Amino acid sequence: MPITANDPRRKSWLDVPQNSDFPIQNIPFGVFLTKDDVITIGTRIGNHAIDLGALQQLNYFEGIELTDDMFMQDTLNDFISDGKKTWRLVRNRIADIFDAENPKLRDNPKHRDIIIFTMEEIEMQLPVLIGDYTDFYSSKEHATNVGTMFRDPNNALLPNWLHIPVGYHGRSSTIVPSGIPVHRPMGQTLPNGETSPVFGSSRLVDFELETAFITTDANIMGENIPVHEAEEYIFGMVLLNDWSARDIQKWEYVPLGPFLAKNFASSISPWIVTMDALEPFRIKGPAQDPTPLPYLQQKGKHSFDIHLEAYITPENAETTLVSQSNFKYMYWTMSQQLAHHTSNGCRVNSGDMMGSGTISGPTPNSFGSMLELTWGGKNPIKMSDGTERKFINDNDTVVMKGFCQNKEIRIGFGEVSSKLLPPFSRK
C-alpha cells in the first residue's frame, strides 16, 4: 500500500508556518486534553491540534475498519495494536481530509469547530501506556567517551560492545511528557577520597540526548523477531531526555548496572512521529566492524538522518544551545535493537518504549550529555547569562529538539522540555 500522505507536493488548507515541524506530510499521533476537559487521540498540522475522536464520530474514517471507540481513548495502545496497515490507512486518510483541494471538512465550519483546536487550547498527555521501557547504549562515540573517562582510554569499549546492542531495563512509572518538571533525586553517593557512602541530593544531575521508538505487539513469549522483519513492529519515534544522576550512578552501577541514577525521571516529546513519515530520510548507518552475528546482519538503509539539539535555559535567562548531534551516528539500528531484544524470546507489547541511549557525534559540540560536553566537569560551559554549568542546576530547563529536512520537506518532533526542581520535600 503506497504512503500517499508523504507526497511532498501536498498542501493543507490549514495554515502551516514556514519551517514548521508539522506539515501535512508529518501527521504524528498523540493524546491531548481539550478545552472542554475531554481526553482524545489526535494529530497535528502546523499549530492546529486535530481531534481524531471527533473525526471518527463524524464518519470521516468511513471504509477503514476501526473499533467504534478507537480514537476516543486516553492512550494510543489499541490503535498501535492494530498494526501497520491500519496506521497507514488512517494517516493517508487524514492527509486527504486536510488536503488543500478537499472541501469536505474545509467548507464545513460546524464540523471544523468540533474537530480543530489551536495548540494553546489543548494540553498534551503521555501518548501511550508504557508497560515496559528498555534503554540501549548504542552510540559508539558516547560509549567510547565514557569508557575513556572512567576506564582505560586504550580499551574504552568493553569486549561485548561491538557484538551486541547493550541495554538495560528501565522504569516506566516515571516517564513523563514534555512540560512536566522533575525533581533532583536523593540517593547514596561516595564522596571523593571517602570509604563510606553518604545519603543526600545528587550534585551531578545530567541530561541524555536520546530518541526512543514505540512498538506494537511483536511476538509471543519464546518467539524471536528476525532483524529483517523488526521494522514492521515499530510504530514511531519520540525525543527522549533520559535524566541521569552521575554521582549516584558511579556508586551503584557495579555489578548490575543503572538503577536509581536513571529511573527517577525520563521525559519524552508528546507527538509520536511514525516510521512512515520518516521514510524519506532513510540512510545507511555506520559500518559495523566486526561483522555482527547472522541474526543481527542487515543490508540497506536502516538509519535515519535526524538532526538533534539540546538547550539549557537558566531561570529568568536566555537559552543556550549546548549540543548538536544526529541520530545517524547510532552504531546499532532500531531493528537490530529489537531483534536482539527478542532473540531470547522476550515478549514485546504495544506501547513498549525502547530508548536509543545517549546520541553523541564525533565532535565535542555534538556530545549528547553534560558528562561529555564538560568532560566530567573539567570544562564548564558558559551560559548566555554569563554563568557556567558543569551539570544541570536547580530551576534550569533542558529543551531538546529534533527534525529531518531535505530539499522538499521538513519533518520534526517538536520538543521535549522539562525543568529541574530542587529535591521533593513532604509538606
Protein backbone atom coordinates (compact mmCIF):
# COMPACT_ATOMS: atom_id res chain seq x y z
CA MET A 1 0.00 0.00 0.00
CA PRO A 2 1.56 3.35 -1.06
CA ILE A 3 2.21 6.09 1.52
CA THR A 4 0.20 8.83 -0.19
CA ALA A 5 0.45 11.08 2.88
CA ASN A 6 4.15 11.65 2.11
CA ASP A 7 3.58 13.40 -1.24
CA PRO A 8 5.88 16.46 -0.94
CA ARG A 9 3.65 18.45 -3.28
CA ARG A 10 0.66 18.17 -0.99
CA LYS A 11 -0.55 21.36 0.73
CA SER A 12 -3.07 21.74 3.55
CA TRP A 13 -5.99 24.15 3.84
CA LEU A 14 -4.81 24.65 7.42
CA ASP A 15 -2.11 27.29 7.82
CA VAL A 16 1.37 25.81 8.31
CA PRO A 17 4.12 28.27 9.30
CA GLN A 18 7.39 28.16 7.38
CA ASN A 19 9.86 25.65 8.88
CA SER A 20 7.14 24.05 10.97
CA ASP A 21 7.92 20.57 12.30
CA PHE A 22 4.35 19.59 11.46
CA PRO A 23 3.48 19.99 7.77
CA ILE A 24 0.72 17.83 6.31
CA GLN A 25 3.41 15.28 5.39
CA ASN A 26 4.10 14.56 9.09
CA ILE A 27 0.76 13.64 10.73
CA PRO A 28 2.09 12.42 14.09
CA PHE A 29 -0.10 10.85 16.75
CA GLY A 30 -0.62 11.96 20.34
CA VAL A 31 -3.14 12.32 23.16
CA PHE A 32 -4.43 15.63 24.46
CA LEU A 33 -6.90 17.20 26.84
CA THR A 34 -9.30 19.57 25.08
CA LYS A 35 -10.59 22.91 26.36
CA ASP A 36 -13.75 21.02 27.33
CA ASP A 37 -11.71 18.67 29.57
CA VAL A 38 -12.13 15.74 27.19
CA ILE A 39 -9.15 13.43 26.59
CA THR A 40 -8.84 12.36 22.97
CA ILE A 41 -6.38 10.92 20.49
CA GLY A 42 -5.25 13.46 17.94
CA THR A 43 -2.80 14.62 15.34
CA ARG A 44 -1.22 17.96 14.47
CA ILE A 45 -0.84 20.09 11.36
CA GLY A 46 1.02 23.37 11.81
CA ASN A 47 -0.16 24.88 15.10
CA HIS A 48 -3.51 23.08 14.95
CA ALA A 49 -4.43 20.04 17.05
CA ILE A 50 -6.95 17.73 15.37
CA ASP A 51 -9.38 15.63 17.41
CA LEU A 52 -9.40 12.19 15.76
CA GLY A 53 -12.17 11.02 18.09
CA ALA A 54 -14.45 13.74 16.71
CA LEU A 55 -13.35 12.93 13.16
CA GLN A 56 -14.31 9.31 13.71
CA GLN A 57 -17.67 10.18 15.29
CA LEU A 58 -18.47 12.37 12.29
CA ASN A 59 -17.71 9.41 9.99
CA TYR A 60 -14.58 10.76 8.29
CA PHE A 61 -12.91 7.35 8.57
CA GLU A 62 -15.70 5.53 6.74
CA GLY A 63 -14.37 2.43 4.96
CA ILE A 64 -11.49 1.84 7.38
CA GLU A 65 -12.10 -0.98 9.84
CA LEU A 66 -11.79 0.60 13.28
CA THR A 67 -13.44 -0.17 16.60
CA ASP A 68 -16.13 2.39 17.44
CA ASP A 69 -14.06 3.99 20.19
CA MET A 70 -10.61 3.68 18.58
CA PHE A 71 -9.76 7.38 18.92
CA MET A 72 -11.90 8.13 21.98
CA GLN A 73 -9.39 6.65 24.42
CA ASP A 74 -6.71 8.09 26.65
CA THR A 75 -3.83 6.14 25.10
CA LEU A 76 -2.73 5.06 21.62
CA ASN A 77 -2.12 1.44 22.65
CA ASP A 78 -5.16 -0.07 20.91
CA PHE A 79 -4.54 1.88 17.71
CA ILE A 80 -0.90 0.79 17.73
CA SER A 81 -2.00 -2.83 18.28
CA ASP A 82 -3.99 -2.70 15.03
CA GLY A 83 -0.76 -2.82 13.03
CA LYS A 84 0.97 -1.12 10.15
CA LYS A 85 -1.84 -1.49 7.59
CA THR A 86 -4.27 0.43 9.83
CA TRP A 87 -1.66 3.10 10.72
CA ARG A 88 -1.03 3.76 7.04
CA LEU A 89 -4.72 3.78 6.04
CA VAL A 90 -5.56 6.28 8.79
CA ARG A 91 -2.59 8.53 8.09
CA ASN A 92 -3.32 8.56 4.35
CA ARG A 93 -6.99 9.39 5.07
CA ILE A 94 -6.04 12.29 7.39
CA ALA A 95 -3.78 13.69 4.66
CA ASP A 96 -6.70 13.50 2.20
CA ILE A 97 -9.14 15.20 4.62
CA PHE A 98 -6.82 18.15 5.19
CA ASP A 99 -5.56 18.42 1.61
CA ALA A 100 -6.00 21.94 0.22
CA GLU A 101 -8.12 20.58 -2.65
CA ASN A 102 -10.60 18.65 -0.47
CA PRO A 103 -13.64 20.77 0.51
CA LYS A 104 -15.45 18.16 2.64
CA LEU A 105 -14.24 19.41 6.04
CA ARG A 106 -12.66 22.63 4.80
CA ASP A 107 -16.04 24.03 3.84
CA ASN A 108 -17.95 22.71 6.87
CA PRO A 109 -17.46 25.28 9.65
CA LYS A 110 -19.71 23.38 12.08
CA HIS A 111 -17.53 20.28 11.87
CA ARG A 112 -14.30 22.32 11.94
CA ASP A 113 -15.33 23.88 15.25
CA ILE A 114 -15.71 20.43 16.78
CA ILE A 115 -12.57 18.88 15.29
CA ILE A 116 -9.86 21.56 15.23
CA PHE A 117 -8.17 23.32 18.16
CA THR A 118 -5.23 25.66 18.43
CA MET A 119 -2.26 24.28 20.34
CA GLU A 120 -2.91 26.87 23.05
CA GLU A 121 -6.36 25.35 23.69
CA ILE A 122 -5.10 21.85 24.49
CA GLU A 123 -2.82 20.12 26.98
CA MET A 124 -0.63 17.27 25.75
CA GLN A 125 -0.62 13.99 27.66
CA LEU A 126 1.61 10.90 27.69
CA PRO A 127 0.68 9.30 24.34
CA VAL A 128 0.87 5.62 25.36
CA LEU A 129 0.56 3.46 28.42
CA ILE A 130 4.18 2.33 28.58
CA GLY A 131 4.23 -1.15 30.02
CA ASP A 132 7.96 -1.73 29.65
CA TYR A 133 10.90 0.54 28.96
CA THR A 134 14.31 -0.58 27.73
CA ASP A 135 17.26 1.78 27.32
CA PHE A 136 20.07 0.87 24.96
CA TYR A 137 23.67 2.10 24.88
CA SER A 138 24.16 2.23 21.13
CA SER A 139 26.24 5.32 20.30
CA LYS A 140 29.85 4.26 19.74
CA GLU A 141 31.08 7.81 20.32
CA HIS A 142 29.22 8.08 23.64
CA ALA A 143 30.36 4.67 24.87
CA THR A 144 33.93 5.50 23.86
CA ASN A 145 33.85 8.85 25.66
CA VAL A 146 32.51 7.33 28.87
CA GLY A 147 34.95 4.40 28.69
CA THR A 148 37.82 6.82 28.14
CA MET A 149 36.83 8.91 31.17
CA PHE A 150 36.23 6.08 33.62
CA ARG A 151 38.34 3.17 32.36
CA ASP A 152 41.33 2.71 30.05
CA PRO A 153 41.39 5.08 27.04
CA ASN A 154 43.05 2.32 25.04
CA ASN A 155 40.24 -0.10 25.87
CA ALA A 156 37.30 2.28 26.16
CA LEU A 157 34.73 -0.18 24.80
CA LEU A 158 34.02 -3.33 26.78
CA PRO A 159 34.61 -6.58 24.81
CA ASN A 160 30.89 -7.20 24.16
CA TRP A 161 30.03 -3.71 22.87
CA LEU A 162 30.82 -4.28 19.17
CA HIS A 163 28.93 -7.59 19.18
CA ILE A 164 25.58 -6.84 20.86
CA PRO A 165 23.28 -3.82 21.31
CA VAL A 166 23.90 -3.38 25.05
CA GLY A 167 20.84 -2.34 27.07
CA TYR A 168 19.11 -2.41 30.42
CA HIS A 169 15.51 -2.43 31.63
CA GLY A 170 14.37 0.96 32.92
CA ARG A 171 11.34 2.11 34.85
CA SER A 172 8.16 3.15 33.01
CA SER A 173 6.39 4.67 36.04
CA THR A 174 8.47 7.86 35.91
CA ILE A 175 8.28 8.56 32.17
CA VAL A 176 6.55 11.91 31.71
CA PRO A 177 5.59 14.09 28.73
CA SER A 178 7.22 17.40 27.86
CA GLY A 179 6.35 20.22 30.24
CA ILE A 180 6.27 18.15 33.43
CA PRO A 181 9.05 19.26 35.82
CA VAL A 182 11.30 16.71 37.53
CA HIS A 183 12.90 16.80 40.96
CA ARG A 184 16.59 16.45 41.73
CA PRO A 185 16.90 12.91 43.12
CA MET A 186 18.15 11.85 46.53
CA GLY A 187 20.46 8.86 46.82
CA GLN A 188 23.65 7.28 48.03
CA THR A 189 26.96 8.63 46.75
CA LEU A 190 30.58 8.03 47.67
CA PRO A 191 32.42 11.36 48.11
CA ASN A 192 35.90 11.55 46.60
CA GLY A 193 38.52 10.17 48.98
CA GLU A 194 35.96 8.57 51.31
CA THR A 195 35.37 4.91 52.03
CA SER A 196 31.79 5.19 53.34
CA PRO A 197 28.80 6.49 51.37
CA VAL A 198 26.52 9.36 52.32
CA PHE A 199 22.83 9.95 51.55
CA GLY A 200 21.71 13.25 50.06
CA SER A 201 20.67 15.03 46.89
CA SER A 202 22.57 14.29 43.70
CA ARG A 203 25.07 17.01 42.79
CA LEU A 204 25.67 15.77 39.25
CA VAL A 205 22.28 15.72 37.50
CA ASP A 206 22.69 15.36 33.75
CA PHE A 207 20.57 15.15 30.61
CA GLU A 208 20.94 12.48 27.95
CA LEU A 209 20.04 13.45 24.39
CA GLU A 210 18.17 10.43 23.05
CA THR A 211 15.35 9.23 20.86
CA ALA A 212 13.03 6.33 21.59
CA PHE A 213 10.84 4.07 19.49
CA ILE A 214 7.39 2.75 20.36
CA THR A 215 6.47 -0.82 19.45
CA THR A 216 3.33 -2.69 18.57
CA ASP A 217 2.55 -6.23 19.76
CA ALA A 218 5.51 -8.02 18.25
CA ASN A 219 5.66 -11.62 19.39
CA ILE A 220 4.55 -14.24 21.86
CA MET A 221 6.76 -15.35 24.72
CA GLY A 222 9.54 -17.58 23.38
CA GLU A 223 9.37 -16.20 19.82
CA ASN A 224 12.15 -14.09 18.34
CA ILE A 225 11.73 -11.38 15.71
CA PRO A 226 14.03 -11.67 12.66
CA VAL A 227 16.04 -8.50 12.06
CA HIS A 228 14.59 -8.10 8.54
CA GLU A 229 11.04 -8.05 9.99
CA ALA A 230 11.70 -5.85 13.01
CA GLU A 231 10.72 -2.53 11.41
CA GLU A 232 7.20 -3.86 10.84
CA TYR A 233 6.69 -3.71 14.62
CA ILE A 234 7.95 -0.16 15.18
CA PHE A 235 5.13 2.41 15.22
CA GLY A 236 7.17 5.59 15.50
CA MET A 237 9.67 7.69 17.40
CA VAL A 238 9.83 10.39 20.08
CA LEU A 239 12.57 12.54 21.59
CA LEU A 240 13.82 11.34 24.97
CA ASN A 241 15.67 13.12 27.75
CA ASP A 242 16.80 10.24 29.93
CA TRP A 243 17.77 12.16 33.05
CA SER A 244 20.79 10.80 34.94
CA ALA A 245 22.41 11.35 38.35
CA ARG A 246 26.07 10.71 37.64
CA ASP A 247 27.28 10.59 41.24
CA ILE A 248 24.59 8.10 42.28
CA GLN A 249 25.29 6.10 39.12
CA LYS A 250 29.05 5.90 39.80
CA TRP A 251 28.47 4.35 43.26
CA GLU A 252 25.64 1.95 42.41
CA TYR A 253 26.25 0.63 38.90
CA VAL A 254 28.66 -2.20 39.82
CA PRO A 255 27.78 -5.04 39.40
CA LEU A 256 24.25 -4.81 37.95
CA GLY A 257 24.28 -1.53 36.06
CA PRO A 258 21.97 1.52 36.14
CA PHE A 259 19.29 1.68 38.83
CA LEU A 260 18.22 4.71 40.90
CA ALA A 261 20.51 7.07 38.99
CA LYS A 262 18.34 6.57 35.92
CA ASN A 263 14.81 5.69 37.00
CA PHE A 264 13.85 8.91 38.80
CA ALA A 265 12.68 10.62 35.58
CA SER A 266 12.63 10.26 31.79
CA SER A 267 10.96 12.95 29.65
CA ILE A 268 9.57 12.40 26.14
CA SER A 269 8.13 14.58 23.40
CA PRO A 270 4.34 14.09 23.23
CA TRP A 271 3.89 13.55 19.48
CA ILE A 272 4.89 10.15 18.06
CA VAL A 273 6.28 10.61 14.55
CA THR A 274 5.53 7.49 12.52
CA MET A 275 8.14 5.48 10.68
CA ASP A 276 6.13 6.13 7.52
CA ALA A 277 6.66 9.88 7.94
CA LEU A 278 10.40 9.33 8.40
CA GLU A 279 10.69 7.15 5.29
CA PRO A 280 12.18 9.91 3.04
CA PHE A 281 15.07 10.35 5.48
CA ARG A 282 16.47 6.81 5.49
CA ILE A 283 20.24 6.49 5.27
CA LYS A 284 22.87 3.84 5.87
CA GLY A 285 24.29 3.69 9.35
CA PRO A 286 27.99 3.47 10.26
CA ALA A 287 29.98 0.47 9.03
CA GLN A 288 29.92 -2.32 11.63
CA ASP A 289 33.28 -3.98 12.27
CA PRO A 290 33.46 -6.80 13.20
CA THR A 291 30.50 -8.07 11.19
CA PRO A 292 27.63 -8.82 13.58
CA LEU A 293 26.48 -12.40 14.09
CA PRO A 294 23.99 -13.59 11.42
CA TYR A 295 20.85 -12.81 13.48
CA LEU A 296 21.88 -9.11 13.57
CA GLN A 297 23.09 -8.74 9.99
CA GLN A 298 21.15 -6.44 7.66
CA LYS A 299 21.68 -4.66 4.36
CA GLY A 300 20.32 -1.39 3.06
CA LYS A 301 19.27 1.84 4.71
CA HIS A 302 18.12 1.27 8.28
CA SER A 303 19.18 4.51 9.96
CA PHE A 304 17.66 7.99 9.71
CA ASP A 305 19.06 11.48 9.26
CA ILE A 306 17.53 13.22 12.29
CA HIS A 307 19.20 16.45 13.44
CA LEU A 308 19.13 16.77 17.23
CA GLU A 309 19.71 19.76 19.51
CA ALA A 310 19.90 20.28 23.28
CA TYR A 311 19.47 23.63 25.06
CA ILE A 312 19.72 24.83 28.64
CA THR A 313 17.60 27.75 29.87
CA PRO A 314 18.57 29.05 33.34
CA GLU A 315 15.73 30.62 35.31
CA ASN A 316 15.00 34.17 34.09
CA ALA A 317 17.76 33.98 31.48
CA GLU A 318 18.20 33.37 27.77
CA THR A 319 18.54 29.92 26.26
CA THR A 320 21.93 28.47 25.33
CA LEU A 321 22.43 25.81 22.64
CA VAL A 322 24.82 23.24 24.14
CA SER A 323 24.73 20.27 21.74
CA GLN A 324 24.02 19.47 18.09
CA SER A 325 24.02 15.78 17.25
CA ASN A 326 22.35 13.42 14.79
CA PHE A 327 20.60 10.05 15.01
CA LYS A 328 22.69 8.88 12.01
CA TYR A 329 25.68 8.38 14.34
CA MET A 330 23.96 5.44 16.05
CA TYR A 331 26.07 2.28 15.66
CA TRP A 332 23.24 -0.19 16.29
CA THR A 333 19.95 0.34 14.41
CA MET A 334 16.48 0.16 15.91
CA SER A 335 15.76 -3.07 14.02
CA GLN A 336 18.96 -4.63 15.39
CA GLN A 337 17.99 -3.50 18.89
CA LEU A 338 14.52 -5.05 18.60
CA ALA A 339 15.85 -8.26 17.04
CA HIS A 340 18.39 -8.64 19.83
CA HIS A 341 15.81 -7.75 22.50
CA THR A 342 13.60 -10.65 21.38
CA SER A 343 16.39 -13.09 20.46
CA ASN A 344 15.88 -14.86 23.79
CA GLY A 345 12.08 -14.96 23.44
CA CYS A 346 11.36 -11.81 25.46
CA ARG A 347 7.83 -10.62 24.74
CA VAL A 348 7.34 -7.08 23.36
CA ASN A 349 3.93 -5.40 23.61
CA SER A 350 2.04 -2.45 22.19
CA GLY A 351 3.25 0.76 23.79
CA ASP A 352 6.63 -0.56 24.91
CA MET A 353 9.37 2.06 24.64
CA MET A 354 12.99 1.49 23.60
CA GLY A 355 15.50 4.28 24.25
CA SER A 356 18.45 4.74 21.93
CA GLY A 357 20.96 5.60 24.62
CA THR A 358 22.80 8.93 24.57
CA ILE A 359 23.43 10.01 20.96
CA SER A 360 26.86 11.60 20.65
CA GLY A 361 28.63 12.61 17.46
CA PRO A 362 32.33 12.73 16.61
CA THR A 363 32.98 16.36 17.61
CA PRO A 364 32.88 17.96 21.09
CA ASN A 365 29.86 20.14 20.24
CA SER A 366 27.91 17.01 19.25
CA PHE A 367 28.29 15.15 22.54
CA GLY A 368 24.88 14.20 23.97
CA SER A 369 25.37 14.74 27.72
CA MET A 370 26.91 17.24 30.11
CA LEU A 371 29.21 14.45 31.32
CA GLU A 372 30.86 14.53 27.88
CA LEU A 373 30.37 18.19 27.00
CA THR A 374 32.21 19.29 30.15
CA TRP A 375 34.39 16.14 30.27
CA GLY A 376 33.28 15.19 33.76
CA GLY A 377 33.00 18.80 34.91
CA LYS A 378 36.56 19.79 33.98
CA ASN A 379 35.48 22.14 31.16
CA PRO A 380 32.37 24.10 32.25
CA ILE A 381 30.03 25.50 29.58
CA LYS A 382 29.29 29.22 29.68
CA MET A 383 25.61 30.16 29.52
CA SER A 384 24.25 33.22 27.72
CA ASP A 385 23.75 34.95 31.10
CA GLY A 386 27.46 34.57 31.95
CA THR A 387 27.05 31.74 34.45
CA GLU A 388 28.73 28.37 33.97
CA ARG A 389 27.44 24.82 34.03
CA LYS A 390 29.27 21.60 34.80
CA PHE A 391 25.97 19.77 35.18
CA ILE A 392 22.31 20.87 35.47
CA ASN A 393 21.38 23.39 38.20
CA ASP A 394 18.08 23.57 40.06
CA ASN A 395 15.50 25.58 38.07
CA ASP A 396 17.33 25.06 34.78
CA THR A 397 15.09 23.96 31.91
CA VAL A 398 16.50 21.43 29.44
CA VAL A 399 14.97 21.53 25.96
CA MET A 400 15.61 19.02 23.18
CA LYS A 401 14.54 19.38 19.56
CA GLY A 402 14.77 17.12 16.54
CA PHE A 403 13.90 17.32 12.85
CA CYS A 404 14.64 15.86 9.42
CA GLN A 405 14.98 18.09 6.37
CA ASN A 406 15.62 17.62 2.67
CA LYS A 407 15.08 19.88 -0.34
CA GLU A 408 11.32 19.27 -0.29
CA ILE A 409 10.05 18.89 3.28
CA ARG A 410 10.90 19.19 6.97
CA ILE A 411 9.51 16.64 9.43
CA GLY A 412 10.05 17.32 13.13
CA PHE A 413 9.27 16.09 16.60
CA GLY A 414 8.56 19.43 18.28
CA GLU A 415 10.41 19.44 21.57
CA VAL A 416 10.77 17.81 24.94
CA SER A 417 11.16 20.46 27.62
CA SER A 418 11.48 19.87 31.36
CA LYS A 419 12.58 21.93 34.34
CA LEU A 420 14.77 20.53 37.10
CA LEU A 421 13.34 21.38 40.52
CA PRO A 422 15.06 21.03 43.93
CA PRO A 423 14.57 17.70 45.76
CA PHE A 424 10.97 16.89 46.65
CA SER A 425 10.09 17.60 50.24
CA ARG A 426 6.98 16.37 52.03
CA LYS A 427 4.84 19.14 53.50
